[in-house]
C-alpha atoms as a PDB file:
ATOM      1  CA  MET A   1      20.351  66.850  41.716  1.00  0.00           C
ATOM      2  CA  ALA A   2      21.663  64.464  44.389  1.00  0.00           C
ATOM      3  CA  GLN A   3      18.146  63.993  45.726  1.00  0.00           C
ATOM      4  CA  ARG A   4      16.845  63.122  42.251  1.00  0.00           C
ATOM      5  CA  THR A   5      19.636  60.567  41.857  1.00  0.00           C
ATOM      6  CA  LEU A   6      18.750  58.929  45.173  1.00  0.00           C
ATOM      7  CA  ILE A   7      15.098  58.694  44.163  1.00  0.00           C
ATOM      8  CA  GLN A   8      15.991  57.112  40.820  1.00  0.00           C
ATOM      9  CA  GLU A   9      18.348  54.645  42.500  1.00  0.00           C
ATOM     10  CA  ARG A  10      15.600  53.627  44.936  1.00  0.00           C
ATOM     11  CA  ARG A  11      13.106  53.157  42.119  1.00  0.00           C
ATOM     12  CA  ASN A  12      15.614  51.114  40.143  1.00  0.00           C
ATOM     13  CA  ARG A  13      16.063  48.852  43.166  1.00  0.00           C
ATOM     14  CA  ILE A  14      12.284  48.484  43.428  1.00  0.00           C
ATOM     15  CA  LEU A  15      12.124  47.412  39.784  1.00  0.00           C
ATOM     16  CA  ASP A  16      15.062  45.023  40.218  1.00  0.00           C
ATOM     17  CA  TYR A  17      13.390  43.412  43.221  1.00  0.00           C
ATOM     18  CA  ILE A  18      10.016  42.990  41.505  1.00  0.00           C
ATOM     19  CA  THR A  19      11.660  41.712  38.323  1.00  0.00           C
ATOM     20  CA  LYS A  20      13.421  39.033  40.379  1.00  0.00           C
ATOM     21  CA  ASN A  21      10.466  38.111  42.619  1.00  0.00           C
ATOM     22  CA  GLN A  22       7.568  38.867  40.244  1.00  0.00           C
ATOM     23  CA  LYS A  23       5.793  40.809  43.005  1.00  0.00           C
ATOM     24  CA  ALA A  24       6.372  42.776  46.225  1.00  0.00           C
ATOM     25  CA  ASP A  25       4.311  44.422  48.920  1.00  0.00           C
ATOM     26  CA  ILE A  26       4.847  47.910  50.288  1.00  0.00           C
ATOM     27  CA  LYS A  27       5.943  46.736  53.730  1.00  0.00           C
ATOM     28  CA  GLU A  28       8.756  44.512  52.448  1.00  0.00           C
ATOM     29  CA  LEU A  29       9.970  47.232  50.060  1.00  0.00           C
ATOM     30  CA  SER A  30       9.932  49.725  52.913  1.00  0.00           C
ATOM     31  CA  GLU A  31      12.090  47.427  55.049  1.00  0.00           C
ATOM     32  CA  LEU A  32      14.394  46.512  52.163  1.00  0.00           C
ATOM     33  CA  LEU A  33      15.067  50.126  51.159  1.00  0.00           C
ATOM     34  CA  ASN A  34      14.831  51.711  54.615  1.00  0.00           C
ATOM     35  CA  ALA A  35      12.166  54.118  53.368  1.00  0.00           C
ATOM     36  CA  THR A  36       8.727  54.999  54.686  1.00  0.00           C
ATOM     37  CA  GLU A  37       5.684  53.233  53.280  1.00  0.00           C
ATOM     38  CA  ILE A  38       4.407  56.607  52.066  1.00  0.00           C
ATOM     39  CA  THR A  39       7.616  57.071  50.069  1.00  0.00           C
ATOM     40  CA  ILE A  40       7.374  53.585  48.591  1.00  0.00           C
ATOM     41  CA  ARG A  41       3.738  54.130  47.664  1.00  0.00           C
ATOM     42  CA  ARG A  42       4.707  57.355  45.880  1.00  0.00           C
ATOM     43  CA  ASP A  43       7.460  55.507  44.018  1.00  0.00           C
ATOM     44  CA  LEU A  44       5.027  52.810  42.895  1.00  0.00           C
ATOM     45  CA  ILE A  45       2.603  55.424  41.588  1.00  0.00           C
ATOM     46  CA  GLU A  46       5.350  57.048  39.501  1.00  0.00           C
ATOM     47  CA  LEU A  47       6.637  53.703  38.196  1.00  0.00           C
ATOM     48  CA  GLU A  48       3.122  52.686  37.204  1.00  0.00           C
ATOM     49  CA  LYS A  49       2.714  55.946  35.270  1.00  0.00           C
ATOM     50  CA  LYS A  50       5.751  54.882  33.235  1.00  0.00           C
ATOM     51  CA  LYS A  51       4.126  51.454  32.706  1.00  0.00           C
ATOM     52  CA  GLN A  52       7.027  49.738  34.450  1.00  0.00           C
ATOM     53  CA  LEU A  53       4.853  47.935  36.989  1.00  0.00           C
ATOM     54  CA  ILE A  54       1.233  47.395  37.975  1.00  0.00           C
ATOM     55  CA  ARG A  55       0.096  48.442  41.430  1.00  0.00           C
ATOM     56  CA  THR A  56      -1.990  45.966  43.395  1.00  0.00           C
ATOM     57  CA  HIS A  57      -3.715  46.113  46.753  1.00  0.00           C
ATOM     58  CA  GLY A  58      -0.783  46.657  49.116  1.00  0.00           C
ATOM     59  CA  GLY A  59       2.014  46.292  46.602  1.00  0.00           C
ATOM     60  CA  ALA A  60       2.922  45.835  42.950  1.00  0.00           C
ATOM     61  CA  ILE A  61       3.656  43.256  40.260  1.00  0.00           C
ATOM     62  CA  LEU A  62       5.824  43.395  37.172  1.00  0.00           C
ATOM     63  CA  ASN A  63       4.183  44.945  34.134  1.00  0.00           C
ATOM     64  CA  GLU A  64       4.877  42.313  31.508  1.00  0.00           C
ATOM     65  CA  GLN A  65       4.807  43.587  27.960  1.00  0.00           C
ATOM     66  CA  LYS A  66       2.343  41.941  25.613  1.00  0.00           C
ATOM     67  CA  LYS A  67       3.823  38.562  24.840  1.00  0.00           C
ATOM     68  CA  SER A  68       3.852  36.518  21.701  1.00  0.00           C
ATOM     69  CA  VAL A  69       1.099  33.916  21.317  1.00  0.00           C
ATOM     70  CA  TRP A  70       3.565  31.160  22.246  1.00  0.00           C
ATOM     71  CA  GLN A  71       4.731  32.722  25.539  1.00  0.00           C
ATOM     72  CA  THR A  72       3.206  32.265  28.971  1.00  0.00           C
ATOM     73  CA  SER A  73       2.666  34.969  31.587  1.00  0.00           C
ATOM     74  CA  SER A  74       3.587  34.923  35.259  1.00  0.00           C
ATOM     75  CA  ILE A  75       0.881  33.503  37.521  1.00  0.00           C
ATOM     76  CA  TYR A  76       1.330  36.541  39.783  1.00  0.00           C
ATOM     77  CA  ASN A  77       0.452  38.923  36.972  1.00  0.00           C
ATOM     78  CA  ARG A  78      -2.509  36.830  35.858  1.00  0.00           C
ATOM     79  CA  LEU A  79      -3.887  36.675  39.402  1.00  0.00           C
ATOM     80  CA  GLU A  80      -4.144  40.467  39.499  1.00  0.00           C
ATOM     81  CA  ARG A  81      -5.312  40.994  35.917  1.00  0.00           C
ATOM     82  CA  ASN A  82      -9.138  41.312  35.797  1.00  0.00           C
ATOM     83  CA  ARG A  83      -9.162  40.255  39.465  1.00  0.00           C
ATOM     84  CA  GLU A  84     -12.706  41.408  40.218  1.00  0.00           C
ATOM     85  CA  LYS A  85     -14.137  39.485  37.258  1.00  0.00           C
ATOM     86  CA  LYS A  86     -12.200  36.362  38.175  1.00  0.00           C
ATOM     87  CA  GLU A  87     -13.466  36.546  41.742  1.00  0.00           C
ATOM     88  CA  ARG A  88     -17.075  36.708  40.537  1.00  0.00           C
ATOM     89  CA  ILE A  89     -16.501  33.768  38.205  1.00  0.00           C
ATOM     90  CA  ALA A  90     -14.855  31.748  40.988  1.00  0.00           C
ATOM     91  CA  GLN A  91     -17.613  32.507  43.498  1.00  0.00           C
ATOM     92  CA  PHE A  92     -20.313  31.338  41.126  1.00  0.00           C
ATOM     93  CA  SER A  93     -18.333  28.323  39.952  1.00  0.00           C
ATOM     94  CA  ALA A  94     -18.012  27.158  43.558  1.00  0.00           C
ATOM     95  CA  THR A  95     -21.789  26.651  43.599  1.00  0.00           C
ATOM     96  CA  LEU A  96     -21.421  24.094  40.786  1.00  0.00           C
ATOM     97  CA  ILE A  97     -19.236  21.864  42.955  1.00  0.00           C
ATOM     98  CA  ARG A  98     -21.040  19.356  45.169  1.00  0.00           C
ATOM     99  CA  ASP A  99     -19.988  17.237  48.142  1.00  0.00           C
ATOM    100  CA  ASP A 100     -18.724  13.716  47.371  1.00  0.00           C
ATOM    101  CA  GLU A 101     -17.255  14.639  43.952  1.00  0.00           C
ATOM    102  CA  SER A 102     -13.892  13.997  42.343  1.00  0.00           C
ATOM    103  CA  LEU A 103     -12.330  16.945  40.524  1.00  0.00           C
ATOM    104  CA  PHE A 104      -9.421  17.833  38.306  1.00  0.00           C
ATOM    105  CA  ILE A 105      -8.410  21.432  39.056  1.00  0.00           C
ATOM    106  CA  ASP A 106      -5.619  22.907  36.976  1.00  0.00           C
ATOM    107  CA  GLY A 107      -3.611  25.913  38.036  1.00  0.00           C
ATOM    108  CA  GLY A 108      -5.047  28.873  36.159  1.00  0.00           C
ATOM    109  CA  SER A 109      -5.374  32.144  38.036  1.00  0.00           C
ATOM    110  CA  THR A 110      -9.160  31.861  38.374  1.00  0.00           C
ATOM    111  CA  ASN A 111      -8.768  28.325  39.726  1.00  0.00           C
ATOM    112  CA  GLN A 112      -6.391  29.592  42.406  1.00  0.00           C
ATOM    113  CA  ILE A 113      -9.126  31.988  43.474  1.00  0.00           C
ATOM    114  CA  LEU A 114     -11.663  29.139  43.331  1.00  0.00           C
ATOM    115  CA  ALA A 115      -9.640  26.684  45.452  1.00  0.00           C
ATOM    116  CA  PRO A 116     -10.312  28.322  48.869  1.00  0.00           C
ATOM    117  CA  LEU A 117     -14.024  28.397  48.045  1.00  0.00           C
ATOM    118  CA  VAL A 118     -14.298  24.630  47.500  1.00  0.00           C
ATOM    119  CA  LYS A 119     -11.717  23.262  49.929  1.00  0.00           C
ATOM    120  CA  ASP A 120     -14.298  22.716  52.664  1.00  0.00           C
ATOM    121  CA  ARG A 121     -16.691  20.606  50.590  1.00  0.00           C
ATOM    122  CA  ARG A 122     -17.237  17.216  52.240  1.00  0.00           C
ATOM    123  CA  ASN A 123     -15.769  13.895  51.132  1.00  0.00           C
ATOM    124  CA  MET A 124     -13.864  15.347  48.175  1.00  0.00           C
ATOM    125  CA  LEU A 125     -11.114  13.921  45.988  1.00  0.00           C
ATOM    126  CA  PHE A 126      -9.027  16.569  44.230  1.00  0.00           C
ATOM    127  CA  VAL A 127      -6.498  15.915  41.474  1.00  0.00           C
ATOM    128  CA  THR A 128      -4.309  18.864  40.475  1.00  0.00           C
ATOM    129  CA  ASN A 129      -1.154  19.694  38.565  1.00  0.00           C
ATOM    130  CA  SER A 130      -0.742  22.901  40.564  1.00  0.00           C
ATOM    131  CA  PRO A 131       1.314  22.877  43.799  1.00  0.00           C
ATOM    132  CA  ASP A 132      -0.253  26.246  44.684  1.00  0.00           C
ATOM    133  CA  VAL A 133      -3.779  24.845  44.424  1.00  0.00           C
ATOM    134  CA  ALA A 134      -2.736  21.727  46.354  1.00  0.00           C
ATOM    135  CA  ASP A 135      -1.394  23.874  49.210  1.00  0.00           C
ATOM    136  CA  ILE A 136      -4.748  25.626  49.502  1.00  0.00           C
ATOM    137  CA  LEU A 137      -6.714  22.374  49.449  1.00  0.00           C
ATOM    138  CA  LEU A 138      -4.438  20.894  52.137  1.00  0.00           C
ATOM    139  CA  GLU A 139      -5.869  23.390  54.624  1.00  0.00           C
ATOM    140  CA  ASN A 140      -8.797  20.989  55.020  1.00  0.00           C
ATOM    141  CA  GLU A 141      -7.372  17.804  56.551  1.00  0.00           C
ATOM    142  CA  GLU A 142     -10.311  15.745  55.306  1.00  0.00           C
ATOM    143  CA  ASN A 143      -9.561  16.359  51.630  1.00  0.00           C
ATOM    144  CA  ARG A 144      -7.967  13.622  49.572  1.00  0.00           C
ATOM    145  CA  ILE A 145      -5.500  15.254  47.194  1.00  0.00           C
ATOM    146  CA  ILE A 146      -3.501  13.741  44.361  1.00  0.00           C
ATOM    147  CA  GLN A 147      -0.648  15.981  43.210  1.00  0.00           C
ATOM    148  CA  ILE A 148       0.327  15.234  39.630  1.00  0.00           C
ATOM    149  CA  GLY A 149       4.085  14.981  39.138  1.00  0.00           C
ATOM    150  CA  GLY A 150       6.057  16.115  36.112  1.00  0.00           C
ATOM    151  CA  GLU A 151       8.070  19.095  34.887  1.00  0.00           C
ATOM    152  CA  LEU A 152       7.302  22.180  36.990  1.00  0.00           C
ATOM    153  CA  THR A 153       7.034  25.414  34.981  1.00  0.00           C
ATOM    154  CA  ARG A 154       8.446  28.633  36.428  1.00  0.00           C
ATOM    155  CA  ASP A 155       5.893  31.087  35.055  1.00  0.00           C
ATOM    156  CA  THR A 156       2.681  29.149  35.566  1.00  0.00           C
ATOM    157  CA  HIS A 157       3.652  26.899  38.526  1.00  0.00           C
ATOM    158  CA  LEU A 158       2.151  23.838  36.815  1.00  0.00           C
ATOM    159  CA  THR A 159       3.404  20.324  36.235  1.00  0.00           C
ATOM    160  CA  ILE A 160       3.302  19.404  32.558  1.00  0.00           C
ATOM    161  CA  GLY A 161       4.973  17.036  30.133  1.00  0.00           C
ATOM    162  CA  PRO A 162       4.848  13.287  29.386  1.00  0.00           C
ATOM    163  CA  ASP A 163       5.182  12.169  33.018  1.00  0.00           C
ATOM    164  CA  ALA A 164       2.328  14.434  34.117  1.00  0.00           C
ATOM    165  CA  GLU A 165       0.095  13.226  31.294  1.00  0.00           C
ATOM    166  CA  ASP A 166       0.860   9.577  32.087  1.00  0.00           C
ATOM    167  CA  ASN A 167      -0.223  10.241  35.674  1.00  0.00           C
ATOM    168  CA  ILE A 168      -3.467  11.875  34.567  1.00  0.00           C
ATOM    169  CA  ARG A 169      -4.353   8.932  32.334  1.00  0.00           C
ATOM    170  CA  LYS A 170      -4.563   6.721  35.423  1.00  0.00           C
ATOM    171  CA  TYR A 171      -7.605   8.604  36.667  1.00  0.00           C
ATOM    172  CA  TYR A 172     -11.136   9.488  35.602  1.00  0.00           C
ATOM    173  CA  VAL A 173     -13.093  12.113  37.553  1.00  0.00           C
ATOM    174  CA  ASP A 174     -16.524  13.683  37.790  1.00  0.00           C
ATOM    175  CA  LYS A 175     -15.527  17.204  36.779  1.00  0.00           C
ATOM    176  CA  CYS A 176     -12.590  19.005  35.230  1.00  0.00           C
ATOM    177  CA  ILE A 177     -12.271  22.686  36.220  1.00  0.00           C
ATOM    178  CA  THR A 178      -9.975  24.419  33.773  1.00  0.00           C
ATOM    179  CA  SER A 179      -9.178  27.701  32.055  1.00  0.00           C
ATOM    180  CA  VAL A 180      -7.428  28.596  28.813  1.00  0.00           C
ATOM    181  CA  SER A 181      -5.283  31.311  27.238  1.00  0.00           C
ATOM    182  CA  GLY A 182      -7.906  32.068  24.612  1.00  0.00           C
ATOM    183  CA  ILE A 183     -11.272  30.925  23.294  1.00  0.00           C
ATOM    184  CA  ASP A 184     -12.806  31.233  19.845  1.00  0.00           C
ATOM    185  CA  PRO A 185     -16.391  29.900  19.796  1.00  0.00           C
ATOM    186  CA  ASP A 186     -16.001  29.051  16.112  1.00  0.00           C
ATOM    187  CA  VAL A 187     -12.812  27.037  16.615  1.00  0.00           C
ATOM    188  CA  GLY A 188     -11.994  25.981  20.178  1.00  0.00           C
ATOM    189  CA  CYS A 189      -9.779  26.668  23.191  1.00  0.00           C
ATOM    190  CA  TYR A 190      -6.117  27.668  23.105  1.00  0.00           C
ATOM    191  CA  ALA A 191      -2.994  27.350  25.246  1.00  0.00           C
ATOM    192  CA  ALA A 192       0.329  29.139  24.835  1.00  0.00           C
ATOM    193  CA  ILE A 193       2.694  26.165  24.618  1.00  0.00           C
ATOM    194  CA  PRO A 194       2.309  22.615  23.211  1.00  0.00           C
ATOM    195  CA  SER A 195       2.931  20.786  26.502  1.00  0.00           C
ATOM    196  CA  GLU A 196       0.315  22.885  28.299  1.00  0.00           C
ATOM    197  CA  ALA A 197      -2.205  22.332  25.495  1.00  0.00           C
ATOM    198  CA  SER A 198      -1.564  18.580  25.572  1.00  0.00           C
ATOM    199  CA  MET A 199      -1.983  18.501  29.357  1.00  0.00           C
ATOM    200  CA  LYS A 200      -5.322  20.296  29.198  1.00  0.00           C
ATOM    201  CA  ARG A 201      -6.487  17.993  26.427  1.00  0.00           C
ATOM    202  CA  THR A 202      -5.683  14.988  28.622  1.00  0.00           C
ATOM    203  CA  LEU A 203      -7.450  16.502  31.643  1.00  0.00           C
ATOM    204  CA  VAL A 204     -10.590  17.157  29.624  1.00  0.00           C
ATOM    205  CA  SER A 205     -10.670  13.701  28.059  1.00  0.00           C
ATOM    206  CA  HIS A 206     -10.501  12.008  31.462  1.00  0.00           C
ATOM    207  CA  SER A 207     -13.469  13.732  33.071  1.00  0.00           C
ATOM    208  CA  ARG A 208     -17.193  13.180  32.893  1.00  0.00           C
ATOM    209  CA  GLU A 209     -17.872  16.930  32.674  1.00  0.00           C
ATOM    210  CA  THR A 210     -15.694  19.960  31.847  1.00  0.00           C
ATOM    211  CA  ILE A 211     -16.362  23.382  33.367  1.00  0.00           C
ATOM    212  CA  LEU A 212     -14.432  26.168  31.652  1.00  0.00           C
ATOM    213  CA  LEU A 213     -13.746  29.362  33.617  1.00  0.00           C
ATOM    214  CA  VAL A 214     -12.916  32.262  31.289  1.00  0.00           C
ATOM    215  CA  ASP A 215     -13.183  35.998  31.806  1.00  0.00           C
ATOM    216  CA  SER A 216     -14.222  38.208  28.901  1.00  0.00           C
ATOM    217  CA  SER A 217     -10.618  39.094  27.949  1.00  0.00           C
ATOM    218  CA  LYS A 218     -10.082  35.502  26.735  1.00  0.00           C
ATOM    219  CA  PHE A 219     -12.745  35.648  24.009  1.00  0.00           C
ATOM    220  CA  ASN A 220     -11.685  35.952  20.363  1.00  0.00           C
ATOM    221  CA  ARG A 221      -8.121  35.600  21.541  1.00  0.00           C
ATOM    222  CA  LYS A 222      -5.847  32.958  20.077  1.00  0.00           C
ATOM    223  CA  ALA A 223      -2.664  31.461  21.492  1.00  0.00           C
ATOM    224  CA  PHE A 224      -0.088  29.223  19.837  1.00  0.00           C
ATOM    225  CA  CYS A 225      -1.776  25.845  20.339  1.00  0.00           C
ATOM    226  CA  LEU A 226      -5.313  24.589  19.973  1.00  0.00           C
ATOM    227  CA  ALA A 227      -5.841  22.679  23.233  1.00  0.00           C
ATOM    228  CA  PHE A 228      -9.298  21.138  22.827  1.00  0.00           C
ATOM    229  CA  ASP A 229     -12.536  21.526  20.959  1.00  0.00           C
ATOM    230  CA  LEU A 230     -15.609  23.115  22.488  1.00  0.00           C
ATOM    231  CA  SER A 231     -17.467  19.846  21.964  1.00  0.00           C
ATOM    232  CA  ASP A 232     -15.513  18.675  25.028  1.00  0.00           C
ATOM    233  CA  VAL A 233     -16.937  21.480  27.194  1.00  0.00           C
ATOM    234  CA  SER A 234     -20.144  21.104  29.194  1.00  0.00           C
ATOM    235  CA  THR A 235     -20.292  24.464  30.971  1.00  0.00           C
ATOM    236  CA  VAL A 236     -18.726  27.904  30.597  1.00  0.00           C
ATOM    237  CA  VAL A 237     -18.681  30.525  33.350  1.00  0.00           C
ATOM    238  CA  THR A 238     -17.781  34.041  32.226  1.00  0.00           C
ATOM    239  CA  ASP A 239     -18.446  37.684  33.095  1.00  0.00           C
ATOM    240  CA  SER A 240     -20.954  40.204  31.815  1.00  0.00           C
ATOM    241  CA  ASP A 241     -18.456  41.953  29.512  1.00  0.00           C
ATOM    242  CA  THR A 242     -18.320  38.932  27.203  1.00  0.00           C
ATOM    243  CA  PRO A 243     -20.002  39.858  23.880  1.00  0.00           C
ATOM    244  CA  LYS A 244     -23.554  38.512  23.680  1.00  0.00           C
ATOM    245  CA  ASP A 245     -23.028  37.056  20.218  1.00  0.00           C
ATOM    246  CA  GLU A 246     -20.117  34.980  21.535  1.00  0.00           C
ATOM    247  CA  ILE A 247     -22.297  33.672  24.352  1.00  0.00           C
ATOM    248  CA  GLU A 248     -25.015  32.722  21.872  1.00  0.00           C
ATOM    249  CA  LYS A 249     -22.518  30.829  19.718  1.00  0.00           C
ATOM    250  CA  LEU A 250     -21.587  28.728  22.741  1.00  0.00           C
ATOM    251  CA  ARG A 251     -25.215  28.078  23.628  1.00  0.00           C
ATOM    252  CA  ASP A 252     -25.948  27.105  20.024  1.00  0.00           C
ATOM    253  CA  ARG A 253     -23.347  24.375  20.478  1.00  0.00           C
ATOM    254  CA  GLY A 254     -25.282  22.976  23.442  1.00  0.00           C
ATOM    255  CA  ILE A 255     -22.975  24.461  26.091  1.00  0.00           C
ATOM    256  CA  THR A 256     -24.492  25.775  29.310  1.00  0.00           C
ATOM    257  CA  VAL A 257     -23.238  29.347  29.810  1.00  0.00           C
ATOM    258  CA  TYR A 258     -23.436  31.273  33.078  1.00  0.00           C
ATOM    259  CA  VAL A 259     -22.780  35.020  32.944  1.00  0.00           C
ATOM    260  CA  VAL A 260     -21.870  36.571  36.301  1.00  0.00           C
END
């Protein structure tokens, strides 16, 4: 009985830690709880069975319950969700970026995966409202990077709001690389909160070309706010699980669609 109590206490501490930090790896949990990595791994397996967390490569993230259409999700959770598909989308999308271009890159999870793949392009100017993306791009000292200021969100790690939009309006770039919370080919692209939708709308309107990166889970999915119309989108990159009829609807609208 005492042993069972100790196990439950340890697992509660694991959940408390991940709830506070959004994620954790096995090594840090092992050190924190003075338990072997094998023990921690076993705990994570049991907690995942109870749908209390999601195991990742080398650790775990919080298992957020399905949120309302007006709520955002943690960037850590979104980075792990459909990770393999997002990596394929990012790898292909990197081939669409050329040397000597100027780019808006917002801070969606797929864009965070894309950033390391384009940071070594030559003579690039990047504009981003994501400190996480900016940190990645800074690894190449030759990059010119403009970090958009504004209100920094906790869940998505993005700058949004009137100040951020005023900053964006000062610039006009070759390409906008963005993602959305949901896409309906008959209606348009969605974001969870008004300020995020407004920010994306401003990004899109100040670029010569918009490339939308969306995995198949985003299709026929609505969020609280309509961000922009598909007439503003030049190119969509998605994965092979996206329904073929949805892809055809996009192509019928004159959008170039790459399925990877």
